[in-house]
Amino acid sequence: MTGDAYGGYVYDDGAAAVSATGNTVHINGGTVIGETHGGYAFSDSGTATASGNTVNISGGTVSGNVVGGWSDPGDATYNTVTISGSPTFGATTVLAGDTSTGDAFTGNTLNVWNYNGTSVAGVQNFQFYNFLLPASLKGLEVTGTVNFEQTIGDGGKSSVTGVSILGGGRAPQIGEKISLINAGTFTGIIANDGQPLAGKKGATLNLLFRLDQQANDLFAVVDGVQVSPQAKALPSITTKNL
């Protein structure tokens, strides 16, 4: 399609308070030439809110930016963008929560789930990041900037709240560094840099990661590997700090 894709769109040219809430966009094929918005709200001289909107992209081609929620003027919060599968993004595509004047950060979440698609140009205004890596351990490639700080407002910082790996393939090794995001540059430091984070590989292994942000990579370092209680029949595996 030519033009932008919206899960929900509301516009008022007066002073009304408007909201785009609880809308969803699914893209699993085809082509979107413009931008993709889970929810879009604009009021000419009133207020606008975009909250609880969702964008799921698992295939196809998306040339423009991907925005969980956009508002003007007002807040765009608690929106979710999930990328999975093998979509193709444009050379300038930015994944974002976005707004002109208000809070475009709080509760916004980026999920990178079993992702084997192309790189994106930038990532910004997500408070939370969740990763479900394929067995190949491929992370997200970003050619430009990943912003781990709130761009408008009090300067809140992003956090990684989940890292797991699909079953199949080899087991990760103690001390292994798995790249979650490889970026041209980062703005800000992830809030839980250096802190432990529990995860899983399939249904058989419990993992303990430690986040390690470097100049161009956000790594999950494997600090512990343990057979889960649901897989007691499997042989024991060396563990550390778990």
Protein backbone atom coordinates (compact mmCIF):
# COMPACT_ATOMS: atom_id res chain seq x y z
CA MET A 1 0.00 0.00 0.00
CA THR A 2 1.07 3.60 -0.62
CA GLY A 3 0.76 5.91 2.38
CA ASP A 4 0.68 5.33 6.11
CA ALA A 5 -0.89 2.41 7.99
CA TYR A 6 -2.88 3.07 11.18
CA GLY A 7 -4.47 0.80 13.74
CA GLY A 8 -6.45 3.79 14.98
CA TYR A 9 -6.51 7.42 13.81
CA VAL A 10 -8.29 10.37 15.42
CA TYR A 11 -8.06 14.03 14.44
CA ASP A 12 -9.86 17.08 15.81
CA ASP A 13 -9.40 20.56 14.34
CA GLY A 14 -10.89 22.24 17.41
CA ALA A 15 -10.20 22.08 21.13
CA ALA A 16 -11.47 18.59 21.91
CA ALA A 17 -9.51 16.05 23.95
CA VAL A 18 -8.98 13.01 21.71
CA SER A 19 -7.48 9.57 22.22
CA ALA A 20 -6.37 6.56 20.19
CA THR A 21 -6.44 3.61 22.57
CA GLY A 22 -6.24 -0.16 22.29
CA ASN A 23 -5.69 -0.41 18.54
CA THR A 24 -3.62 -3.08 16.76
CA VAL A 25 -1.80 -3.33 13.43
CA HIS A 26 -0.66 -6.72 12.10
CA ILE A 27 1.70 -6.84 9.11
CA ASN A 28 2.80 -10.26 7.87
CA GLY A 29 3.20 -9.60 4.16
CA GLY A 30 2.83 -7.03 1.39
CA THR A 31 4.38 -3.57 1.32
CA VAL A 32 3.81 -0.41 3.34
CA ILE A 33 5.43 2.58 1.67
CA GLY A 34 4.76 5.07 4.48
CA GLU A 35 4.82 4.97 8.27
CA THR A 36 3.05 2.46 10.52
CA HIS A 37 1.26 3.66 13.67
CA GLY A 38 -0.51 1.53 16.23
CA GLY A 39 -2.48 4.60 17.32
CA TYR A 40 -2.38 8.22 16.12
CA ALA A 41 -4.09 11.10 17.90
CA PHE A 42 -4.02 14.80 17.00
CA SER A 43 -5.94 17.77 18.37
CA ASP A 44 -5.47 21.21 16.88
CA SER A 45 -5.86 23.11 20.15
CA GLY A 46 -6.94 20.46 22.64
CA THR A 47 -5.04 17.47 24.02
CA ALA A 48 -4.31 14.05 22.57
CA THR A 49 -3.47 10.63 24.00
CA ALA A 50 -2.19 7.46 22.33
CA SER A 51 -2.08 4.55 24.77
CA GLY A 52 -2.27 0.76 24.79
CA ASN A 53 -1.72 0.41 21.04
CA THR A 54 0.14 -2.47 19.39
CA VAL A 55 2.11 -3.00 16.18
CA ASN A 56 3.06 -6.57 15.21
CA ILE A 57 5.33 -7.00 12.19
CA SER A 58 6.33 -10.52 11.16
CA GLY A 59 6.80 -10.23 7.40
CA GLY A 60 6.46 -8.03 4.33
CA THR A 61 8.23 -4.76 3.60
CA VAL A 62 7.85 -1.61 5.70
CA SER A 63 9.63 1.44 4.31
CA GLY A 64 8.79 4.11 6.90
CA ASN A 65 9.02 4.48 10.66
CA VAL A 66 7.17 2.09 12.97
CA VAL A 67 5.50 3.89 15.88
CA GLY A 68 3.58 2.22 18.68
CA GLY A 69 1.65 5.39 19.49
CA TRP A 70 1.84 9.01 18.32
CA SER A 71 0.11 12.01 19.94
CA ASP A 72 0.10 15.77 19.43
CA PRO A 73 -0.08 17.43 21.90
CA GLY A 74 -0.02 14.92 24.73
CA ASP A 75 1.26 11.55 25.86
CA ALA A 76 2.01 8.35 23.92
CA THR A 77 2.51 5.68 26.59
CA TYR A 78 2.10 1.93 27.20
CA ASN A 79 2.30 1.09 23.51
CA THR A 80 4.00 -2.04 22.14
CA VAL A 81 5.97 -2.83 18.98
CA THR A 82 6.79 -6.48 18.28
CA ILE A 83 9.05 -7.55 15.41
CA SER A 84 9.44 -11.22 14.54
CA GLY A 85 10.10 -13.46 11.56
CA SER A 86 11.79 -11.97 8.50
CA PRO A 87 10.35 -8.57 7.54
CA THR A 88 12.27 -6.07 5.42
CA PHE A 89 12.61 -2.53 6.73
CA GLY A 90 13.63 0.59 4.85
CA ALA A 91 17.09 2.13 5.11
CA THR A 92 15.72 4.95 7.30
CA THR A 93 13.16 3.03 9.38
CA VAL A 94 13.10 3.94 13.08
CA LEU A 95 11.22 1.88 15.68
CA ALA A 96 9.71 4.29 18.21
CA GLY A 97 7.22 5.55 20.69
CA ASP A 98 6.66 9.16 19.63
CA THR A 99 5.00 12.46 20.54
CA SER A 100 5.48 16.15 19.98
CA THR A 101 5.28 17.52 23.52
CA GLY A 102 4.40 14.92 26.18
CA ASP A 103 5.57 11.59 27.58
CA ALA A 104 6.41 9.19 24.77
CA PHE A 105 8.40 6.75 26.90
CA THR A 106 6.58 5.40 29.96
CA GLY A 107 5.49 1.80 29.51
CA ASN A 108 6.40 1.64 25.82
CA THR A 109 7.82 -1.81 24.98
CA LEU A 110 9.85 -3.26 22.12
CA ASN A 111 9.70 -7.04 21.71
CA VAL A 112 12.29 -8.71 19.45
CA TRP A 113 11.00 -12.27 19.10
CA ASN A 114 12.66 -14.92 16.93
CA TYR A 115 13.77 -12.13 14.61
CA ASN A 116 15.61 -12.85 11.36
CA GLY A 117 14.72 -9.74 9.40
CA THR A 118 16.77 -6.80 8.14
CA SER A 119 18.42 -4.07 10.17
CA VAL A 120 16.65 -0.86 11.18
CA ALA A 121 18.04 2.68 11.20
CA GLY A 122 17.23 3.58 14.79
CA VAL A 123 15.33 2.76 18.00
CA GLN A 124 13.99 5.26 20.55
CA ASN A 125 11.47 5.93 23.32
CA PHE A 126 10.99 2.39 24.62
CA GLN A 127 11.12 1.95 28.39
CA PHE A 128 11.24 -1.84 28.15
CA TYR A 129 13.03 -4.28 25.82
CA ASN A 130 12.28 -8.02 25.61
CA PHE A 131 14.23 -10.55 23.56
CA LEU A 132 13.36 -14.08 22.48
CA LEU A 133 16.37 -15.07 20.40
CA PRO A 134 16.35 -17.72 17.67
CA ALA A 135 18.56 -20.79 18.13
CA SER A 136 21.10 -19.00 15.90
CA LEU A 137 21.36 -16.29 18.63
CA LYS A 138 20.81 -13.50 16.09
CA GLY A 139 20.04 -10.17 17.76
CA LEU A 140 18.82 -6.85 16.37
CA GLU A 141 21.05 -4.89 13.99
CA VAL A 142 20.68 -1.09 14.10
CA THR A 143 22.68 0.96 11.60
CA GLY A 144 22.18 4.25 13.46
CA THR A 145 21.35 5.22 17.05
CA VAL A 146 19.59 3.35 19.84
CA ASN A 147 18.37 5.80 22.47
CA PHE A 148 18.10 4.33 25.97
CA GLU A 149 16.94 7.65 27.43
CA GLN A 150 13.55 9.37 27.39
CA THR A 151 13.76 12.00 24.65
CA ILE A 152 11.12 14.34 26.15
CA GLY A 153 10.49 14.72 29.89
CA ASP A 154 12.42 13.66 32.98
CA GLY A 155 15.09 11.59 31.24
CA GLY A 156 14.00 8.09 32.30
CA LYS A 157 16.18 5.17 31.25
CA SER A 158 15.32 1.98 29.41
CA SER A 159 15.59 -1.53 30.87
CA VAL A 160 15.85 -5.03 29.43
CA THR A 161 13.13 -7.04 31.14
CA GLY A 162 13.46 -10.40 29.38
CA VAL A 163 16.02 -12.52 27.50
CA SER A 164 15.32 -16.11 26.42
CA ILE A 165 16.39 -18.42 23.60
CA LEU A 166 14.29 -20.78 21.53
CA GLY A 167 14.97 -24.51 21.81
CA GLY A 168 17.18 -26.34 19.33
CA GLY A 169 20.78 -25.75 18.42
CA ARG A 170 23.61 -25.80 20.92
CA ALA A 171 23.48 -24.84 24.57
CA PRO A 172 25.13 -21.49 25.42
CA GLN A 173 28.39 -21.67 27.31
CA ILE A 174 29.39 -20.00 30.58
CA GLY A 175 31.03 -16.67 29.77
CA GLU A 176 29.55 -16.49 26.25
CA LYS A 177 28.58 -12.98 25.12
CA ILE A 178 25.38 -12.86 23.07
CA SER A 179 24.68 -9.62 21.21
CA LEU A 180 21.11 -8.43 21.81
CA ILE A 181 21.58 -5.17 19.89
CA ASN A 182 24.45 -4.19 17.63
CA ALA A 183 24.18 -0.45 16.94
CA GLY A 184 26.03 2.34 15.21
CA THR A 185 25.87 4.18 18.54
CA PHE A 186 23.98 4.26 21.83
CA THR A 187 22.58 7.29 23.61
CA GLY A 188 22.50 6.63 27.34
CA ILE A 189 23.23 3.47 29.31
CA ILE A 190 20.63 0.76 29.81
CA ALA A 191 19.31 1.06 33.39
CA ASN A 192 20.17 -2.52 34.38
CA ASP A 193 23.60 -2.64 32.77
CA GLY A 194 25.79 -5.07 34.74
CA GLN A 195 22.82 -6.61 36.54
CA PRO A 196 21.64 -10.25 36.44
CA LEU A 197 18.63 -11.34 34.43
CA ALA A 198 17.06 -14.82 34.49
CA GLY A 199 16.04 -16.49 31.23
CA LYS A 200 15.46 -19.83 29.54
CA LYS A 201 16.51 -21.84 26.52
CA GLY A 202 13.52 -23.81 25.31
CA ALA A 203 11.85 -25.84 28.06
CA THR A 204 14.99 -27.58 29.30
CA LEU A 205 17.54 -24.99 30.44
CA ASN A 206 17.40 -22.17 32.96
CA LEU A 207 19.88 -19.40 32.19
CA LEU A 208 21.37 -16.54 34.15
CA PHE A 209 22.51 -13.56 32.09
CA ARG A 210 24.37 -10.39 32.97
CA LEU A 211 23.81 -7.34 30.78
CA ASP A 212 26.96 -5.70 29.43
CA GLN A 213 26.68 -2.55 27.30
CA GLN A 214 29.75 -1.79 25.20
CA ALA A 215 30.44 0.92 22.60
CA ASN A 216 28.43 -0.72 19.82
CA ASP A 217 26.82 -3.79 21.43
CA LEU A 218 24.41 -4.61 24.20
CA PHE A 219 25.42 -8.11 25.32
CA ALA A 220 23.76 -10.73 27.45
CA VAL A 221 26.69 -12.54 29.08
CA VAL A 222 25.94 -16.12 30.17
CA ASP A 223 26.74 -16.46 33.88
CA GLY A 224 24.73 -19.61 34.63
CA VAL A 225 23.30 -22.68 32.86
CA GLN A 226 21.17 -25.22 34.67
CA VAL A 227 18.82 -28.03 33.70
CA SER A 228 15.28 -27.00 34.57
CA PRO A 229 13.18 -29.12 36.97
CA GLN A 230 10.95 -30.06 34.01
CA ALA A 231 13.91 -31.82 32.35
CA LYS A 232 15.26 -33.91 35.24
CA ALA A 233 16.00 -36.84 32.98
CA LEU A 234 18.72 -34.84 31.20
CA PRO A 235 22.34 -35.03 32.44
CA SER A 236 23.60 -32.32 34.77
CA ILE A 237 25.31 -29.26 33.31
CA THR A 238 27.95 -27.10 34.97
CA THR A 239 26.39 -24.07 36.62
CA LYS A 240 27.62 -20.78 37.98
CA ASN A 241 25.83 -18.20 40.11
CA LEU A 242 22.38 -19.66 39.60
